Protein backbone atom coordinates (compact mmCIF):
# COMPACT_ATOMS: atom_id res chain seq x y z
CA ILE A 1 103.71 73.86 23.11
CA LEU A 2 100.84 74.68 25.49
CA ASP A 3 98.40 72.74 23.28
CA ALA A 4 100.73 69.73 23.38
CA GLU A 5 100.87 69.90 27.17
CA LYS A 6 97.06 70.08 27.32
CA ASP A 7 96.84 67.19 24.86
CA ILE A 8 99.18 65.07 26.98
CA SER A 9 97.05 65.78 30.04
CA ASP A 10 93.89 64.93 28.09
CA ILE A 11 95.40 61.67 26.81
CA GLU A 12 96.54 60.74 30.33
CA THR A 13 92.93 61.18 31.47
CA LYS A 14 91.48 59.21 28.52
CA MET A 15 93.89 56.30 28.92
CA GLU A 16 94.10 56.50 32.72
CA TYR A 17 97.85 56.13 32.46
CA LYS A 18 100.67 58.50 33.34
CA LEU A 19 104.10 58.47 31.73
CA THR A 20 107.07 58.68 34.05
CA ASP A 21 109.37 60.10 31.37
CA ARG A 22 108.86 63.23 29.34
CA VAL A 23 107.86 63.21 25.68
CA ASP A 24 110.22 65.02 23.30
CA ILE A 25 108.55 66.51 20.21
CA LEU A 26 110.70 67.60 17.27
CA VAL A 27 108.88 69.54 14.55
CA TYR A 28 110.26 69.74 11.00
CA ASN A 29 109.37 72.49 8.53
CA ASN A 30 107.93 70.04 6.01
CA LEU A 31 107.56 66.35 5.19
CA SER A 32 110.64 66.32 2.97
CA ASP A 33 112.86 67.54 5.85
CA LEU A 34 111.41 64.85 8.10
CA LYS A 35 112.08 62.12 5.54
CA GLN A 36 115.65 63.34 4.98
CA SER A 37 116.48 63.17 8.68
CA ASN A 38 118.89 60.40 9.60
CA ILE A 39 117.83 60.35 13.25
CA GLY A 40 116.87 56.80 14.09
CA TYR A 41 118.39 55.43 10.88
CA GLY A 42 118.53 51.64 11.09
CA VAL A 43 116.05 51.54 13.99
CA GLU A 44 112.65 49.96 13.56
CA LEU A 45 110.14 52.80 13.82
CA ASN A 46 106.52 52.95 14.90
CA ASN A 47 104.72 55.04 12.31
CA THR A 48 101.40 56.69 12.88
CA GLY A 49 99.68 57.24 9.58
CA GLY A 50 103.04 56.88 7.84
CA THR A 51 104.31 60.36 8.78
CA THR A 52 105.06 60.54 12.49
CA LYS A 53 108.35 58.91 13.47
CA ILE A 54 108.56 57.65 17.04
CA ILE A 55 111.72 56.44 18.73
CA GLY A 56 111.22 55.65 22.41
CA ASN A 57 109.68 58.80 23.88
CA LYS A 58 110.86 61.02 21.02
CA MET A 59 108.36 62.00 18.36
CA PHE A 60 109.21 63.58 15.00
CA VAL A 61 106.42 65.46 13.20
CA TYR A 62 106.23 67.96 10.35
CA PHE A 63 104.29 71.17 9.77
CA ASP A 64 102.42 71.39 6.45
CA GLY A 65 100.96 74.83 7.10
CA ASN A 66 97.83 73.43 8.76
CA HIS A 67 97.80 73.71 12.55
CA GLN A 68 95.02 71.12 12.86
CA HIS A 69 97.10 68.50 11.00
CA LEU A 70 100.07 69.24 13.28
CA ARG A 71 97.90 68.86 16.37
CA GLU A 72 96.49 65.54 15.09
CA GLN A 73 100.04 64.27 14.45
CA ILE A 74 101.07 65.26 17.97
CA ARG A 75 98.00 63.70 19.60
CA GLU A 76 98.40 60.47 17.65
CA GLY A 77 102.12 60.32 18.36
CA VAL A 78 101.62 60.92 22.08
CA ALA A 79 98.85 58.29 22.16
CA SER A 80 101.21 55.85 20.43
CA ILE A 81 103.94 56.51 23.02
CA PHE A 82 101.42 56.04 25.84
CA LEU A 83 100.08 52.81 24.34
CA GLN A 84 103.60 51.46 23.79
CA ASN A 85 104.59 52.21 27.39
CA MET A 86 101.30 51.00 28.82
CA MET A 87 101.23 47.69 26.96
CA PHE A 88 104.89 46.82 26.70
CA GLY A 89 106.56 48.70 29.55
CA GLY A 90 109.10 51.48 29.80
CA ASN A 91 112.43 49.67 29.97
CA ILE A 92 114.05 47.31 27.47
CA GLN A 93 113.57 44.19 29.63
CA GLU A 94 109.81 44.76 29.93
CA VAL A 95 109.49 45.56 26.23
CA VAL A 96 111.23 42.35 25.14
CA GLN A 97 109.28 40.21 27.62
CA ASN A 98 105.89 41.68 26.77
CA ALA A 99 106.45 41.91 23.00
CA VAL A 100 106.87 38.13 22.86
CA LEU A 101 103.76 37.43 24.92
CA LEU A 102 101.40 40.13 23.65
CA LYS A 103 100.66 40.38 19.95
CA LEU A 104 98.29 43.19 19.06
CA PRO A 105 96.86 43.57 15.54
CA LEU A 106 97.40 46.79 13.61
CA TRP A 107 93.75 47.80 13.84
CA PHE A 108 93.99 47.66 17.65
CA LYS A 109 97.12 49.81 18.03
CA ASP A 110 96.86 52.18 15.08
CA GLY A 111 93.09 52.47 15.43
CA LEU A 112 93.40 53.53 19.07
CA THR A 113 96.03 56.17 18.33
CA SER A 114 93.88 57.47 15.47
CA TYR A 115 90.79 57.50 17.70
CA ILE A 116 92.62 59.55 20.32
CA GLY A 117 94.23 61.79 17.70
CA GLN A 118 91.11 62.98 15.94
CA PRO A 119 87.41 63.02 16.79
CA TRP A 120 84.81 61.15 14.77
CA SER A 121 83.30 63.20 11.95
CA THR A 122 80.77 62.92 9.17
CA GLU A 123 83.66 62.47 6.72
CA LEU A 124 84.87 59.43 8.69
CA ASP A 125 81.31 58.15 8.93
CA ASN A 126 80.95 58.29 5.14
CA LYS A 127 84.31 56.55 4.69
CA LEU A 128 83.18 53.77 7.04
CA ARG A 129 79.90 53.34 5.16
CA ASP A 130 81.76 53.05 1.84
CA GLY A 131 84.20 50.50 3.29
CA ILE A 132 81.46 48.33 4.75
CA LEU A 133 79.33 48.40 1.60
CA SER A 134 82.36 47.48 -0.54
CA GLY A 135 83.27 44.58 1.80
CA ARG A 136 86.75 45.97 2.48
CA TYR A 137 86.45 45.60 6.28
CA LYS A 138 85.13 42.03 6.49
CA LYS A 139 88.27 40.51 8.03
CA MET A 140 89.68 42.94 10.61
CA ASN A 141 92.86 40.97 11.40
CA LYS A 142 93.87 40.88 7.74
CA LEU A 143 93.70 44.66 7.26
CA THR A 144 96.91 46.59 6.77
CA GLY A 145 98.02 50.20 6.51
CA THR A 146 95.41 52.94 6.42
CA ASP A 147 92.54 50.44 6.20
CA ALA A 148 93.59 48.83 9.51
CA ARG A 149 94.07 52.24 11.08
CA PHE A 150 90.68 53.52 9.98
CA ALA A 151 88.73 50.34 10.79
CA GLY A 152 90.34 50.32 14.24
CA HIS A 153 89.39 53.96 14.72
CA ALA A 154 85.78 53.00 13.96
CA VAL A 155 85.89 50.08 16.43
CA TRP A 156 87.24 52.29 19.24
CA HIS A 157 84.65 54.93 18.43
CA TYR A 158 81.92 52.28 18.62
CA ILE A 159 83.21 51.00 21.98
CA ALA A 160 83.26 54.53 23.41
CA GLN A 161 79.75 55.27 22.10
CA LYS A 162 78.21 51.97 23.19
CA TYR A 163 79.93 51.37 26.54
CA GLY A 164 81.37 54.78 27.47
CA ASP A 165 84.83 56.34 27.37
CA ALA A 166 85.80 54.74 30.71
CA THR A 167 85.64 51.31 29.06
CA ILE A 168 88.72 51.98 26.92
CA PRO A 169 91.35 52.21 29.71
CA THR A 170 89.73 49.21 31.42
CA LEU A 171 89.94 47.23 28.20
CA LEU A 172 93.60 48.21 27.75
CA TYR A 173 94.42 47.23 31.34
CA LEU A 174 92.71 43.84 31.00
CA THR A 175 94.48 43.24 27.69
CA ARG A 176 97.84 43.96 29.30
CA ILE A 177 97.43 41.88 32.47
CA ASN A 178 95.97 38.92 30.57
CA ARG A 179 98.53 39.35 27.75
CA SER A 180 95.73 38.76 25.27
CA MET A 181 93.50 41.07 23.30
CA GLU A 182 90.78 38.40 23.16
CA SER A 183 90.78 38.02 26.96
CA GLY A 184 90.61 41.78 27.40
CA PHE A 185 87.50 41.96 25.24
CA SER A 186 85.95 38.88 26.92
CA PHE A 187 86.20 40.38 30.40
């Protein structure tokens, strides 16, 4: 729990955004228990990496015996909640209004949550090299699933390395107020 509280504080600092509501984290014993849960049945879910269920400010994760995996799930889930609230608002009226006006590609959203959830590593660097050499990442907006998530992670890592970590919250803010990802990057 203390790590999650530190992670939330760290994510608030990275994104320069503070949630007004608390984040509820429910941890299941394993992936099968998580998948069997009927909480949120019939509700469209935001999935991070296909395993973390998020409904509003509630996050459902599972423990596979590896504390590092659990921490990455929590960090990515919290980042996803922050991004959702930051871009689309906290109440239903803001969400509906902003969802119509602001369309963000998967690589943008999932890549950012992945970037915040886990640091860049040599393993990710090798995966990026393989993807670029194979031509898999030529058209960013057409990527789906784990490819979109990973390519987005690489883009956010590049932005942080080239322009500094402080650029990311500025970019997110400009994207939100202009209601356009392209405008956010242009400014």
